[in-house]
Amino acid sequence: MLNRSSRPMRNCKPGLRTISSGWRVSALFLVLILLVCIVTSARAEPFVAIVDPSFYRAPVSEPIQGTTSTVIAYYRIDGDNLVPAKSEEIPTLDRTLVKKQTLVHARFLLKNLSARSIRDSQGTVIALILESPDPTLSSILLLPELSQQFEEVLGPDCLVAVPNRRTLFLFPRLANKIQSFAGTVLNLYHNDPWPVSTEIFALKNGSLSVTDHFNEDL
């Protein structure tokens, strides 16, 4: 018969090894979830398509009808900065999604813009100016509804100038005084750290084409 001193010792904390092992598995699982969230967050930065000069050589871009000087280029929005999107980040098949993201972004941007009107001596609006510190300003030109928004003032299918990333000019389609803005547009183009174009674009249902350019000798 076993006396008190000869009885086998019992574990006073039953399942301690099991609990410790389970805690470690749970902790490891939480760490893995955290890592996945960090990676996902890093990749969740939105992309946007904007009007860009071809000499910036954006890795992912699309042509604009009537010109080789200006393109639609794809960028990743990183805080207040634009980072050129890489080909592997936006394969051709994924551009539809980026264009949808661009429209959502552009609508939000347009909602917070105020157009400044320029009038001739008769009081007729001959141009609207849109300005923003946001370098994605030109993304609003891809909105199918943009022409309709200003149709009462400019008429249908207006003309556009994009001298730099922070400034847009909208003109009536039948404008006969558009070249009077050549000096202003060229000055904004040549004296900005992010010039875009000295061309005149036709805007129709979110589609751009180049119809003319501002004359340097005017």
Protein backbone atom coordinates (compact mmCIF):
# COMPACT_ATOMS: atom_id res chain seq x y z
CA MET A 1 0.00 0.00 0.00
CA LEU A 2 1.39 3.37 -0.98
CA ASN A 3 1.79 5.88 1.77
CA ARG A 4 1.53 9.67 1.30
CA SER A 5 5.24 10.01 0.52
CA SER A 6 5.28 7.23 -2.08
CA ARG A 7 2.20 8.27 -4.09
CA PRO A 8 2.92 9.27 -7.70
CA MET A 9 3.00 13.04 -8.20
CA ARG A 10 0.06 14.53 -10.03
CA ASN A 11 0.05 17.52 -12.34
CA CYS A 12 -1.50 20.33 -10.34
CA LYS A 13 -2.24 22.27 -13.57
CA PRO A 14 -4.01 19.82 -15.85
CA GLY A 15 -3.76 20.62 -19.59
CA LEU A 16 -1.08 23.29 -19.11
CA ARG A 17 0.98 21.96 -22.01
CA THR A 18 -2.13 21.78 -24.18
CA ILE A 19 -3.17 25.33 -23.24
CA SER A 20 0.32 26.66 -23.89
CA SER A 21 0.46 24.93 -27.26
CA GLY A 22 -2.98 26.25 -28.19
CA TRP A 23 -2.01 29.78 -27.21
CA ARG A 24 1.06 29.59 -29.41
CA VAL A 25 -0.99 28.40 -32.38
CA SER A 26 -3.50 31.20 -31.83
CA ALA A 27 -0.75 33.79 -31.55
CA LEU A 28 0.88 32.51 -34.72
CA PHE A 29 -2.47 32.65 -36.51
CA LEU A 30 -3.01 36.26 -35.40
CA VAL A 31 0.47 37.22 -36.60
CA LEU A 32 -0.25 35.66 -40.00
CA ILE A 33 -3.53 37.58 -40.23
CA LEU A 34 -1.71 40.80 -39.33
CA LEU A 35 0.91 40.18 -42.02
CA VAL A 36 -1.79 39.52 -44.62
CA CYS A 37 -3.57 42.74 -43.63
CA ILE A 38 -0.35 44.72 -43.94
CA VAL A 39 0.42 43.28 -47.36
CA THR A 40 -3.17 43.80 -48.52
CA SER A 41 -3.15 47.37 -47.22
CA ALA A 42 0.10 48.07 -49.04
CA ARG A 43 -1.45 46.85 -52.27
CA ALA A 44 -4.75 48.64 -51.72
CA GLU A 45 -3.51 52.00 -52.93
CA PRO A 46 -5.84 53.12 -55.72
CA PHE A 47 -4.80 53.61 -59.31
CA VAL A 48 -5.89 56.46 -61.55
CA ALA A 49 -5.69 57.36 -65.24
CA ILE A 50 -4.76 60.94 -66.17
CA VAL A 51 -3.75 62.97 -69.21
CA ASP A 52 0.03 62.96 -69.47
CA PRO A 53 2.74 64.05 -71.91
CA SER A 54 4.37 61.11 -73.66
CA PHE A 55 7.83 62.37 -72.70
CA TYR A 56 7.17 61.35 -69.07
CA ARG A 57 7.40 57.79 -70.43
CA ALA A 58 4.85 56.26 -68.06
CA PRO A 59 5.26 52.46 -68.17
CA VAL A 60 1.50 51.98 -68.65
CA SER A 61 -0.28 54.32 -71.05
CA GLU A 62 -2.78 54.47 -73.91
CA PRO A 63 -2.78 56.71 -77.00
CA ILE A 64 -5.08 59.67 -77.55
CA GLN A 65 -6.58 60.01 -81.01
CA GLY A 66 -4.83 62.56 -83.20
CA THR A 67 -1.57 62.87 -81.27
CA THR A 68 1.60 61.08 -80.22
CA SER A 69 2.60 63.85 -77.81
CA THR A 70 -0.06 63.21 -75.17
CA VAL A 71 -1.35 59.96 -73.67
CA ILE A 72 -3.64 58.56 -71.02
CA ALA A 73 -1.22 57.31 -68.36
CA TYR A 74 -1.77 55.13 -65.31
CA TYR A 75 -0.50 56.02 -61.86
CA ARG A 76 -0.75 54.68 -58.34
CA ILE A 77 -1.94 57.22 -55.76
CA ASP A 78 0.46 57.16 -52.80
CA GLY A 79 -0.75 59.79 -50.36
CA ASP A 80 -0.22 63.15 -52.08
CA ASN A 81 2.11 61.62 -54.65
CA LEU A 82 1.63 59.90 -57.98
CA VAL A 83 3.81 56.86 -58.66
CA PRO A 84 3.92 55.54 -62.24
CA ALA A 85 2.11 52.21 -62.38
CA LYS A 86 4.21 49.23 -63.46
CA SER A 87 3.14 46.88 -66.23
CA GLU A 88 2.87 43.98 -63.79
CA GLU A 89 0.63 46.05 -61.51
CA ILE A 90 -1.90 46.81 -64.24
CA PRO A 91 -2.06 44.08 -66.86
CA THR A 92 -4.14 44.94 -69.92
CA LEU A 93 -7.08 42.92 -68.64
CA ASP A 94 -7.18 44.87 -65.36
CA ARG A 95 -7.42 48.33 -66.91
CA THR A 96 -11.21 48.21 -66.92
CA LEU A 97 -11.17 48.06 -63.12
CA VAL A 98 -8.70 50.96 -62.93
CA LYS A 99 -10.89 53.02 -65.24
CA LYS A 100 -13.85 52.40 -62.94
CA GLN A 101 -11.72 53.52 -59.98
CA THR A 102 -10.73 56.59 -61.98
CA LEU A 103 -14.35 57.57 -62.60
CA VAL A 104 -15.21 57.25 -58.91
CA HIS A 105 -12.18 59.34 -58.00
CA ALA A 106 -12.91 61.92 -60.72
CA ARG A 107 -16.54 62.37 -59.66
CA PHE A 108 -15.47 63.06 -56.10
CA LEU A 109 -12.86 65.51 -57.35
CA LEU A 110 -15.27 67.31 -59.68
CA LYS A 111 -17.84 67.65 -56.91
CA ASN A 112 -15.39 69.79 -54.96
CA LEU A 113 -14.30 72.04 -57.84
CA SER A 114 -15.57 75.49 -58.72
CA ALA A 115 -15.29 76.69 -62.31
CA ARG A 116 -14.04 80.23 -62.90
CA SER A 117 -15.59 81.85 -65.96
CA ILE A 118 -13.89 84.16 -68.47
CA ARG A 119 -16.20 86.48 -70.42
CA ASP A 120 -15.74 88.64 -73.49
CA SER A 121 -16.72 92.30 -73.77
CA GLN A 122 -20.33 91.30 -74.47
CA GLY A 123 -20.51 89.23 -71.29
CA THR A 124 -20.48 85.88 -73.11
CA VAL A 125 -18.56 83.07 -71.42
CA ILE A 126 -15.64 82.15 -73.66
CA ALA A 127 -13.85 79.82 -71.25
CA LEU A 128 -14.11 78.08 -67.92
CA ILE A 129 -11.04 77.44 -65.80
CA LEU A 130 -10.78 74.57 -63.32
CA GLU A 131 -7.85 74.56 -60.90
CA SER A 132 -6.79 72.18 -58.16
CA PRO A 133 -3.60 71.25 -56.30
CA ASP A 134 -4.57 67.62 -56.91
CA PRO A 135 -2.25 66.26 -59.66
CA THR A 136 -5.05 63.95 -60.85
CA LEU A 137 -7.22 66.89 -61.95
CA SER A 138 -7.25 65.77 -65.60
CA SER A 139 -8.95 62.51 -64.61
CA ILE A 140 -12.26 64.41 -64.76
CA LEU A 141 -11.84 64.60 -68.55
CA LEU A 142 -12.62 60.87 -68.66
CA LEU A 143 -16.07 61.40 -67.14
CA PRO A 144 -18.80 60.77 -69.75
CA GLU A 145 -21.03 63.35 -68.06
CA LEU A 146 -18.50 66.20 -67.96
CA SER A 147 -19.71 67.83 -71.18
CA GLN A 148 -23.32 67.70 -70.00
CA GLN A 149 -22.42 69.34 -66.70
CA PHE A 150 -21.24 72.50 -68.48
CA GLU A 151 -23.48 72.24 -71.54
CA GLU A 152 -25.73 75.15 -70.54
CA VAL A 153 -22.71 77.45 -70.48
CA LEU A 154 -20.45 76.03 -73.19
CA GLY A 155 -22.80 74.05 -75.40
CA PRO A 156 -22.33 70.35 -76.21
CA ASP A 157 -18.98 68.59 -76.61
CA CYS A 158 -16.66 71.33 -75.42
CA LEU A 159 -12.97 71.80 -76.22
CA VAL A 160 -10.27 71.39 -73.59
CA ALA A 161 -6.74 72.56 -72.83
CA VAL A 162 -4.52 70.85 -70.25
CA PRO A 163 -1.41 73.04 -69.85
CA ASN A 164 -0.33 71.37 -66.62
CA ARG A 165 -1.53 68.95 -63.98
CA ARG A 166 -3.20 71.65 -61.92
CA THR A 167 -5.13 73.58 -64.57
CA LEU A 168 -7.85 72.85 -67.13
CA PHE A 169 -9.50 75.17 -69.65
CA LEU A 170 -12.91 74.36 -71.12
CA PHE A 171 -14.02 76.20 -74.26
CA PRO A 172 -17.22 76.24 -76.33
CA ARG A 173 -17.00 73.84 -79.29
CA LEU A 174 -17.60 76.72 -81.70
CA ALA A 175 -15.13 79.01 -79.96
CA ASN A 176 -13.57 81.51 -82.36
CA LYS A 177 -11.43 83.20 -79.72
CA ILE A 178 -9.63 80.14 -78.45
CA GLN A 179 -6.24 81.23 -79.80
CA SER A 180 -6.53 84.39 -77.71
CA PHE A 181 -5.67 82.08 -74.79
CA ALA A 182 -2.47 80.88 -76.43
CA GLY A 183 -0.20 83.13 -74.36
CA THR A 184 -1.85 82.09 -71.09
CA VAL A 185 -1.86 78.37 -71.89
CA LEU A 186 1.74 78.38 -73.14
CA ASN A 187 2.89 80.30 -70.07
CA LEU A 188 1.19 77.80 -67.77
CA TYR A 189 2.76 74.96 -69.75
CA HIS A 190 6.33 76.26 -69.86
CA ASN A 191 6.47 77.57 -66.29
CA ASP A 192 5.08 74.63 -64.36
CA PRO A 193 7.10 71.72 -62.95
CA TRP A 194 4.52 69.29 -64.36
CA PRO A 195 3.56 70.48 -67.87
CA VAL A 196 1.10 68.38 -69.86
CA SER A 197 0.18 69.69 -73.31
CA THR A 198 -0.19 72.71 -75.59
CA GLU A 199 -2.78 70.89 -77.71
CA ILE A 200 -6.51 71.51 -78.02
CA PHE A 201 -8.64 68.49 -77.21
CA ALA A 202 -12.18 67.68 -78.24
CA LEU A 203 -14.18 66.14 -75.43
CA LYS A 204 -17.10 63.86 -76.16
CA ASN A 205 -18.63 61.34 -73.75
CA GLY A 206 -15.40 60.84 -71.84
CA SER A 207 -13.36 60.34 -75.01
CA LEU A 208 -10.53 62.69 -75.99
CA SER A 209 -9.09 63.54 -79.37
CA VAL A 210 -6.71 66.29 -80.48
CA THR A 211 -8.06 68.78 -83.01
CA ASP A 212 -5.48 71.60 -82.94
CA HIS A 213 -2.73 73.21 -80.87
CA PHE A 214 -1.99 76.65 -79.43
CA ASN A 215 0.26 78.68 -81.70
CA GLU A 216 3.60 79.62 -80.19
CA ASP A 217 3.91 82.74 -82.40
CA LEU A 218 0.74 84.42 -81.17
